[in-house]
């Protein structure tokens, strides 16, 4: 073979090798491990905002108004508050006086709420259903007041106890021995729809004193180990 023939054959062989190398498939590029994890992982769970709107959704024009209506309905009060200030006839605070709050027209023995006044002569009733109510002291019926309570309202009343009677006495047992710590009760005579009210506790010598008792009343006492 001549020199020119050998050169031509070598050139053809070189072109064939280069073409085969260019046509040979390259190595497959695999995605990274983090890419696989991101592709296979479920979408992150997100809590939808209050009001029923899904996360990522564009708020509608009515959404703020709806949320405001829901908030207003949830915050709307359903009960009220009644505060009573009780004073003796001489304008001093009446501490330890039982005050009854009840719906008008009900049986006061069973359907009323009773609280005793604190050192300032005040009682406070929370969570009172709205309606027509009566607040007063059993020992002084003329001091009672009628009120009409609305939801969310606070009503304060002043109750002035009539001077009435001041009853003093001593509690004795069957052997005429003084009984300390006895509960002294007073009930209005001829008033069947009320319970006796505790007005005093006997001292170490069995003696007691009770202010502002009704003019016509029954006075009794009870103590542990004794009949009333």
C-alpha atoms as a PDB file:
ATOM      1  CA  UNK A   1       0.000   0.000   0.000  1.00  0.00           C
ATOM      2  CA  UNK A   2       1.285   3.407  -0.876  1.00  0.00           C
ATOM      3  CA  UNK A   3       1.865   6.108   1.678  1.00  0.00           C
ATOM      4  CA  UNK A   4      -1.172   8.031   0.510  1.00  0.00           C
ATOM      5  CA  UNK A   5      -3.345   4.943   0.856  1.00  0.00           C
ATOM      6  CA  UNK A   6      -2.131   4.309   4.387  1.00  0.00           C
ATOM      7  CA  UNK A   7      -2.859   7.899   5.389  1.00  0.00           C
ATOM      8  CA  UNK A   8      -6.362   7.723   3.928  1.00  0.00           C
ATOM      9  CA  UNK A   9      -7.116   4.485   5.747  1.00  0.00           C
ATOM     10  CA  UNK A  10      -5.837   5.927   9.023  1.00  0.00           C
ATOM     11  CA  UNK A  11      -8.017   9.013   8.596  1.00  0.00           C
ATOM     12  CA  UNK A  12     -11.112   6.878   7.962  1.00  0.00           C
ATOM     13  CA  UNK A  13     -10.344   4.773  11.041  1.00  0.00           C
ATOM     14  CA  UNK A  14      -9.866   7.881  13.160  1.00  0.00           C
ATOM     15  CA  UNK A  15     -13.192   9.320  12.014  1.00  0.00           C
ATOM     16  CA  UNK A  16     -14.937   6.044  12.822  1.00  0.00           C
ATOM     17  CA  UNK A  17     -13.497   5.984  16.357  1.00  0.00           C
ATOM     18  CA  UNK A  18     -14.473   9.621  17.013  1.00  0.00           C
ATOM     19  CA  UNK A  19     -18.001   9.016  15.704  1.00  0.00           C
ATOM     20  CA  UNK A  20     -18.416   5.923  17.839  1.00  0.00           C
ATOM     21  CA  UNK A  21     -17.205   7.822  20.915  1.00  0.00           C
ATOM     22  CA  UNK A  22     -19.641  10.664  20.274  1.00  0.00           C
ATOM     23  CA  UNK A  23     -22.535   8.241  19.755  1.00  0.00           C
ATOM     24  CA  UNK A  24     -21.744   6.244  22.922  1.00  0.00           C
ATOM     25  CA  UNK A  25     -24.399   7.004  25.690  1.00  0.00           C
ATOM     26  CA  UNK A  26     -23.022   8.908  28.617  1.00  0.00           C
ATOM     27  CA  UNK A  27     -23.435   7.879  32.326  1.00  0.00           C
ATOM     28  CA  UNK A  28     -26.930   8.368  33.735  1.00  0.00           C
ATOM     29  CA  UNK A  29     -27.088  11.317  36.145  1.00  0.00           C
ATOM     30  CA  UNK A  30     -29.073  10.209  39.197  1.00  0.00           C
ATOM     31  CA  UNK A  31     -30.855  12.825  41.308  1.00  0.00           C
ATOM     32  CA  UNK A  32     -29.372  13.533  44.682  1.00  0.00           C
ATOM     33  CA  UNK A  33     -30.793  11.878  47.821  1.00  0.00           C
ATOM     34  CA  UNK A  34     -32.240  15.174  49.042  1.00  0.00           C
ATOM     35  CA  UNK A  35     -34.041  15.638  45.727  1.00  0.00           C
ATOM     36  CA  UNK A  36     -35.616  12.168  46.054  1.00  0.00           C
ATOM     37  CA  UNK A  37     -36.728  12.933  49.619  1.00  0.00           C
ATOM     38  CA  UNK A  38     -38.258  16.214  48.620  1.00  0.00           C
ATOM     39  CA  UNK A  39     -40.083  14.649  45.715  1.00  0.00           C
ATOM     40  CA  UNK A  40     -41.483  11.757  47.747  1.00  0.00           C
ATOM     41  CA  UNK A  41     -42.259  13.629  51.006  1.00  0.00           C
ATOM     42  CA  UNK A  42     -45.917  14.629  51.499  1.00  0.00           C
ATOM     43  CA  UNK A  43     -46.799  18.292  51.570  1.00  0.00           C
ATOM     44  CA  UNK A  44     -46.358  19.909  54.982  1.00  0.00           C
ATOM     45  CA  UNK A  45     -49.555  19.989  57.021  1.00  0.00           C
ATOM     46  CA  UNK A  46     -50.731  23.481  57.882  1.00  0.00           C
ATOM     47  CA  UNK A  47     -53.694  24.496  60.042  1.00  0.00           C
ATOM     48  CA  UNK A  48     -56.375  26.437  58.279  1.00  0.00           C
ATOM     49  CA  UNK A  49     -57.006  29.832  59.870  1.00  0.00           C
ATOM     50  CA  UNK A  50     -60.058  30.256  62.047  1.00  0.00           C
ATOM     51  CA  UNK A  51     -63.205  31.036  60.161  1.00  0.00           C
ATOM     52  CA  UNK A  52     -63.054  28.051  57.787  1.00  0.00           C
ATOM     53  CA  UNK A  53     -60.671  29.566  55.207  1.00  0.00           C
ATOM     54  CA  UNK A  54     -58.099  27.083  53.895  1.00  0.00           C
ATOM     55  CA  UNK A  55     -54.421  27.893  54.112  1.00  0.00           C
ATOM     56  CA  UNK A  56     -53.154  29.641  51.030  1.00  0.00           C
ATOM     57  CA  UNK A  57     -56.616  30.541  49.787  1.00  0.00           C
ATOM     58  CA  UNK A  58     -57.215  34.148  48.952  1.00  0.00           C
ATOM     59  CA  UNK A  59     -59.559  35.732  51.522  1.00  0.00           C
ATOM     60  CA  UNK A  60     -62.944  36.577  50.168  1.00  0.00           C
ATOM     61  CA  UNK A  61     -64.465  40.008  50.561  1.00  0.00           C
ATOM     62  CA  UNK A  62     -67.021  38.653  53.063  1.00  0.00           C
ATOM     63  CA  UNK A  63     -64.444  36.812  55.237  1.00  0.00           C
ATOM     64  CA  UNK A  64     -63.674  39.739  57.637  1.00  0.00           C
ATOM     65  CA  UNK A  65     -67.367  40.477  58.113  1.00  0.00           C
ATOM     66  CA  UNK A  66     -68.112  36.803  58.760  1.00  0.00           C
ATOM     67  CA  UNK A  67     -65.293  36.549  61.301  1.00  0.00           C
ATOM     68  CA  UNK A  68     -66.511  39.686  63.031  1.00  0.00           C
ATOM     69  CA  UNK A  69     -70.044  38.292  63.218  1.00  0.00           C
ATOM     70  CA  UNK A  70     -68.812  34.995  64.677  1.00  0.00           C
ATOM     71  CA  UNK A  71     -66.650  36.827  67.227  1.00  0.00           C
ATOM     72  CA  UNK A  72     -69.513  39.115  68.229  1.00  0.00           C
ATOM     73  CA  UNK A  73     -71.883  36.179  68.649  1.00  0.00           C
ATOM     74  CA  UNK A  74     -69.370  34.288  70.787  1.00  0.00           C
ATOM     75  CA  UNK A  75     -68.677  37.318  72.979  1.00  0.00           C
ATOM     76  CA  UNK A  76     -72.299  38.344  73.448  1.00  0.00           C
ATOM     77  CA  UNK A  77     -73.138  38.132  77.194  1.00  0.00           C
ATOM     78  CA  UNK A  78     -76.040  35.976  78.299  1.00  0.00           C
ATOM     79  CA  UNK A  79     -76.189  36.896  82.000  1.00  0.00           C
ATOM     80  CA  UNK A  80     -75.912  39.959  84.207  1.00  0.00           C
ATOM     81  CA  UNK A  81     -74.731  41.042  87.658  1.00  0.00           C
ATOM     82  CA  UNK A  82     -76.669  42.298  90.676  1.00  0.00           C
ATOM     83  CA  UNK A  83     -74.962  44.115  93.560  1.00  0.00           C
ATOM     84  CA  UNK A  84     -76.812  44.983  96.766  1.00  0.00           C
ATOM     85  CA  UNK A  85     -75.616  47.319  99.522  1.00  0.00           C
ATOM     86  CA  UNK A  86     -77.420  46.791 102.834  1.00  0.00           C
ATOM     87  CA  UNK A  87     -77.491  49.391 105.619  1.00  0.00           C
ATOM     88  CA  UNK A  88     -79.010  49.580 109.046  1.00  0.00           C
ATOM     89  CA  UNK A  89     -81.592  52.248 109.737  1.00  0.00           C
ATOM     90  CA  UNK A  90     -78.844  54.371 111.295  1.00  0.00           C
ATOM     91  CA  UNK A  91     -76.962  54.405 107.978  1.00  0.00           C
ATOM     92  CA  UNK A  92     -74.243  51.959 109.033  1.00  0.00           C
ATOM     93  CA  UNK A  93     -73.230  48.991 106.831  1.00  0.00           C
ATOM     94  CA  UNK A  94     -75.147  45.848 107.769  1.00  0.00           C
ATOM     95  CA  UNK A  95     -72.728  42.911 107.810  1.00  0.00           C
ATOM     96  CA  UNK A  96     -73.856  39.276 107.961  1.00  0.00           C
ATOM     97  CA  UNK A  97     -77.374  39.952 106.611  1.00  0.00           C
ATOM     98  CA  UNK A  98     -78.938  37.347 104.334  1.00  0.00           C
ATOM     99  CA  UNK A  99     -80.033  38.831 101.006  1.00  0.00           C
ATOM    100  CA  UNK A 100     -82.256  36.871  98.624  1.00  0.00           C
ATOM    101  CA  UNK A 101     -82.311  37.342  94.854  1.00  0.00           C
ATOM    102  CA  UNK A 102     -85.128  35.545  93.044  1.00  0.00           C
ATOM    103  CA  UNK A 103     -87.285  35.724  89.924  1.00  0.00           C
ATOM    104  CA  UNK A 104     -90.550  37.513  90.555  1.00  0.00           C
ATOM    105  CA  UNK A 105     -93.533  35.257  91.017  1.00  0.00           C
ATOM    106  CA  UNK A 106     -91.511  32.226  92.168  1.00  0.00           C
ATOM    107  CA  UNK A 107     -91.485  30.438  95.536  1.00  0.00           C
ATOM    108  CA  UNK A 108     -88.812  32.343  97.487  1.00  0.00           C
ATOM    109  CA  UNK A 109     -88.028  29.326  99.644  1.00  0.00           C
ATOM    110  CA  UNK A 110     -86.657  27.221  96.795  1.00  0.00           C
ATOM    111  CA  UNK A 111     -85.968  29.390  93.755  1.00  0.00           C
ATOM    112  CA  UNK A 112     -83.920  32.205  95.267  1.00  0.00           C
ATOM    113  CA  UNK A 113     -80.173  32.700  95.614  1.00  0.00           C
ATOM    114  CA  UNK A 114     -79.068  33.622  99.136  1.00  0.00           C
ATOM    115  CA  UNK A 115     -75.866  35.329 100.181  1.00  0.00           C
ATOM    116  CA  UNK A 116     -74.750  37.022 103.379  1.00  0.00           C
ATOM    117  CA  UNK A 117     -73.352  40.532 103.238  1.00  0.00           C
ATOM    118  CA  UNK A 118     -69.645  41.067 103.816  1.00  0.00           C
ATOM    119  CA  UNK A 119     -68.073  43.511 106.261  1.00  0.00           C
ATOM    120  CA  UNK A 120     -69.078  46.411 104.025  1.00  0.00           C
ATOM    121  CA  UNK A 121     -72.714  45.269 103.874  1.00  0.00           C
ATOM    122  CA  UNK A 122     -72.394  44.212 100.228  1.00  0.00           C
ATOM    123  CA  UNK A 123     -73.370  41.105  98.273  1.00  0.00           C
ATOM    124  CA  UNK A 124     -72.603  40.463  94.607  1.00  0.00           C
ATOM    125  CA  UNK A 125     -74.494  38.009  92.406  1.00  0.00           C
ATOM    126  CA  UNK A 126     -72.661  36.975  89.215  1.00  0.00           C
ATOM    127  CA  UNK A 127     -74.084  35.061  86.260  1.00  0.00           C
ATOM    128  CA  UNK A 128     -77.707  36.051  86.872  1.00  0.00           C
ATOM    129  CA  UNK A 129     -80.116  35.132  84.047  1.00  0.00           C
ATOM    130  CA  UNK A 130     -81.890  38.218  82.698  1.00  0.00           C
ATOM    131  CA  UNK A 131     -85.496  38.894  83.622  1.00  0.00           C
ATOM    132  CA  UNK A 132     -87.771  40.457  86.228  1.00  0.00           C
ATOM    133  CA  UNK A 133     -86.227  39.932  89.670  1.00  0.00           C
ATOM    134  CA  UNK A 134     -86.737  40.799  93.324  1.00  0.00           C
ATOM    135  CA  UNK A 135     -83.872  41.477  95.707  1.00  0.00           C
ATOM    136  CA  UNK A 136     -84.401  42.013  99.415  1.00  0.00           C
ATOM    137  CA  UNK A 137     -83.909  40.915 103.010  1.00  0.00           C
ATOM    138  CA  UNK A 138     -86.395  38.565 104.588  1.00  0.00           C
ATOM    139  CA  UNK A 139     -86.267  40.229 107.969  1.00  0.00           C
ATOM    140  CA  UNK A 140     -87.336  43.553 106.457  1.00  0.00           C
ATOM    141  CA  UNK A 141     -89.767  42.963 103.594  1.00  0.00           C
ATOM    142  CA  UNK A 142     -90.331  46.645 102.926  1.00  0.00           C
ATOM    143  CA  UNK A 143     -86.645  47.014 102.026  1.00  0.00           C
ATOM    144  CA  UNK A 144     -86.970  44.805  98.952  1.00  0.00           C
ATOM    145  CA  UNK A 145     -86.727  46.167  95.414  1.00  0.00           C
ATOM    146  CA  UNK A 146     -87.972  44.999  92.038  1.00  0.00           C
ATOM    147  CA  UNK A 147     -85.522  45.167  89.160  1.00  0.00           C
ATOM    148  CA  UNK A 148     -85.416  44.133  85.512  1.00  0.00           C
ATOM    149  CA  UNK A 149     -82.034  42.791  84.447  1.00  0.00           C
ATOM    150  CA  UNK A 150     -80.805  42.569  80.853  1.00  0.00           C
ATOM    151  CA  UNK A 151     -77.957  40.393  79.573  1.00  0.00           C
ATOM    152  CA  UNK A 152     -74.603  42.109  80.092  1.00  0.00           C
ATOM    153  CA  UNK A 153     -76.075  44.619  82.555  1.00  0.00           C
ATOM    154  CA  UNK A 154     -74.930  45.363  86.127  1.00  0.00           C
ATOM    155  CA  UNK A 155     -77.522  46.731  88.554  1.00  0.00           C
ATOM    156  CA  UNK A 156     -76.706  48.100  92.017  1.00  0.00           C
ATOM    157  CA  UNK A 157     -79.390  48.580  94.650  1.00  0.00           C
ATOM    158  CA  UNK A 158     -79.448  50.105  98.118  1.00  0.00           C
ATOM    159  CA  UNK A 159     -81.394  48.225 100.797  1.00  0.00           C
ATOM    160  CA  UNK A 160     -82.177  50.084 104.027  1.00  0.00           C
ATOM    161  CA  UNK A 161     -83.272  47.889 106.895  1.00  0.00           C
ATOM    162  CA  UNK A 162     -86.023  49.256 109.087  1.00  0.00           C
ATOM    163  CA  UNK A 163     -85.049  49.811 112.699  1.00  0.00           C
ATOM    164  CA  UNK A 164     -87.381  47.026 113.833  1.00  0.00           C
ATOM    165  CA  UNK A 165     -86.697  45.268 117.106  1.00  0.00           C
ATOM    166  CA  UNK A 166     -83.408  44.593 118.841  1.00  0.00           C
ATOM    167  CA  UNK A 167     -83.764  41.196 120.487  1.00  0.00           C
ATOM    168  CA  UNK A 168     -81.392  40.081 123.235  1.00  0.00           C
ATOM    169  CA  UNK A 169     -81.478  36.812 125.123  1.00  0.00           C
ATOM    170  CA  UNK A 170     -79.692  33.731 126.357  1.00  0.00           C
ATOM    171  CA  UNK A 171     -79.776  30.170 125.041  1.00  0.00           C
ATOM    172  CA  UNK A 172     -80.134  27.506 127.739  1.00  0.00           C
ATOM    173  CA  UNK A 173     -80.361  23.734 127.611  1.00  0.00           C
ATOM    174  CA  UNK A 174     -82.935  21.591 129.459  1.00  0.00           C
ATOM    175  CA  UNK A 175     -80.882  21.880 132.649  1.00  0.00           C
ATOM    176  CA  UNK A 176     -80.766  25.704 132.359  1.00  0.00           C
ATOM    177  CA  UNK A 177     -77.079  25.635 131.456  1.00  0.00           C
ATOM    178  CA  UNK A 178     -75.961  28.269 128.879  1.00  0.00           C
ATOM    179  CA  UNK A 179     -75.290  26.873 125.397  1.00  0.00           C
ATOM    180  CA  UNK A 180     -72.414  28.564 123.534  1.00  0.00           C
ATOM    181  CA  UNK A 181     -72.274  28.643 119.722  1.00  0.00           C
ATOM    182  CA  UNK A 182     -76.021  28.183 119.237  1.00  0.00           C
ATOM    183  CA  UNK A 183     -77.547  29.524 116.017  1.00  0.00           C
ATOM    184  CA  UNK A 184     -80.311  32.007 116.840  1.00  0.00           C
ATOM    185  CA  UNK A 185     -83.059  32.150 114.202  1.00  0.00           C
ATOM    186  CA  UNK A 186     -85.860  34.578 113.522  1.00  0.00           C
ATOM    187  CA  UNK A 187     -88.941  34.018 111.337  1.00  0.00           C
ATOM    188  CA  UNK A 188     -91.788  36.391 110.627  1.00  0.00           C
ATOM    189  CA  UNK A 189     -95.055  35.250 112.128  1.00  0.00           C
ATOM    190  CA  UNK A 190     -97.775  34.291 109.660  1.00  0.00           C
ATOM    191  CA  UNK A 191     -95.352  34.157 106.731  1.00  0.00           C
ATOM    192  CA  UNK A 192     -95.445  30.577 105.472  1.00  0.00           C
ATOM    193  CA  UNK A 193     -93.355  31.103 102.341  1.00  0.00           C
ATOM    194  CA  UNK A 194     -90.064  31.875 104.102  1.00  0.00           C
ATOM    195  CA  UNK A 195     -87.507  30.009 106.124  1.00  0.00           C
ATOM    196  CA  UNK A 196     -86.129  31.157 109.490  1.00  0.00           C
ATOM    197  CA  UNK A 197     -83.029  33.300 109.135  1.00  0.00           C
ATOM    198  CA  UNK A 198     -79.949  33.030 111.322  1.00  0.00           C
ATOM    199  CA  UNK A 199     -79.542  36.412 112.996  1.00  0.00           C
ATOM    200  CA  UNK A 200     -76.957  35.725 115.720  1.00  0.00           C
ATOM    201  CA  UNK A 201     -74.693  33.156 117.360  1.00  0.00           C
ATOM    202  CA  UNK A 202     -74.661  32.776 121.122  1.00  0.00           C
ATOM    203  CA  UNK A 203     -71.447  33.605 122.958  1.00  0.00           C
ATOM    204  CA  UNK A 204     -69.524  31.620 125.554  1.00  0.00           C
ATOM    205  CA  UNK A 205     -72.136  32.617 128.146  1.00  0.00           C
ATOM    206  CA  UNK A 206     -75.039  31.651 125.846  1.00  0.00           C
ATOM    207  CA  UNK A 207     -76.084  35.280 125.305  1.00  0.00           C
ATOM    208  CA  UNK A 208     -76.907  36.882 121.947  1.00  0.00           C
ATOM    209  CA  UNK A 209     -78.192  40.129 120.424  1.00  0.00           C
ATOM    210  CA  UNK A 210     -79.932  40.582 117.059  1.00  0.00           C
ATOM    211  CA  UNK A 211     -80.778  43.874 115.355  1.00  0.00           C
ATOM    212  CA  UNK A 212     -83.600  44.828 112.986  1.00  0.00           C
ATOM    213  CA  UNK A 213     -85.875  41.892 113.727  1.00  0.00           C
ATOM    214  CA  UNK A 214     -89.489  42.095 112.469  1.00  0.00           C
ATOM    215  CA  UNK A 215     -92.004  43.535 114.900  1.00  0.00           C
ATOM    216  CA  UNK A 216     -93.927  40.253 114.909  1.00  0.00           C
ATOM    217  CA  UNK A 217     -91.531  37.322 114.872  1.00  0.00           C
ATOM    218  CA  UNK A 218     -90.693  33.932 116.286  1.00  0.00           C
ATOM    219  CA  UNK A 219     -87.252  33.484 117.857  1.00  0.00           C
ATOM    220  CA  UNK A 220     -85.583  30.072 118.200  1.00  0.00           C
ATOM    221  CA  UNK A 221     -82.173  28.482 118.523  1.00  0.00           C
ATOM    222  CA  UNK A 222     -80.442  25.275 117.501  1.00  0.00           C
ATOM    223  CA  UNK A 223     -77.137  23.737 118.496  1.00  0.00           C
ATOM    224  CA  UNK A 224     -75.270  20.469 118.024  1.00  0.00           C
ATOM    225  CA  UNK A 225     -76.588  17.820 120.421  1.00  0.00           C
ATOM    226  CA  UNK A 226     -79.827  19.694 121.108  1.00  0.00           C
ATOM    227  CA  UNK A 227     -83.209  19.893 119.466  1.00  0.00           C
ATOM    228  CA  UNK A 228     -84.242  23.219 118.011  1.00  0.00           C
END
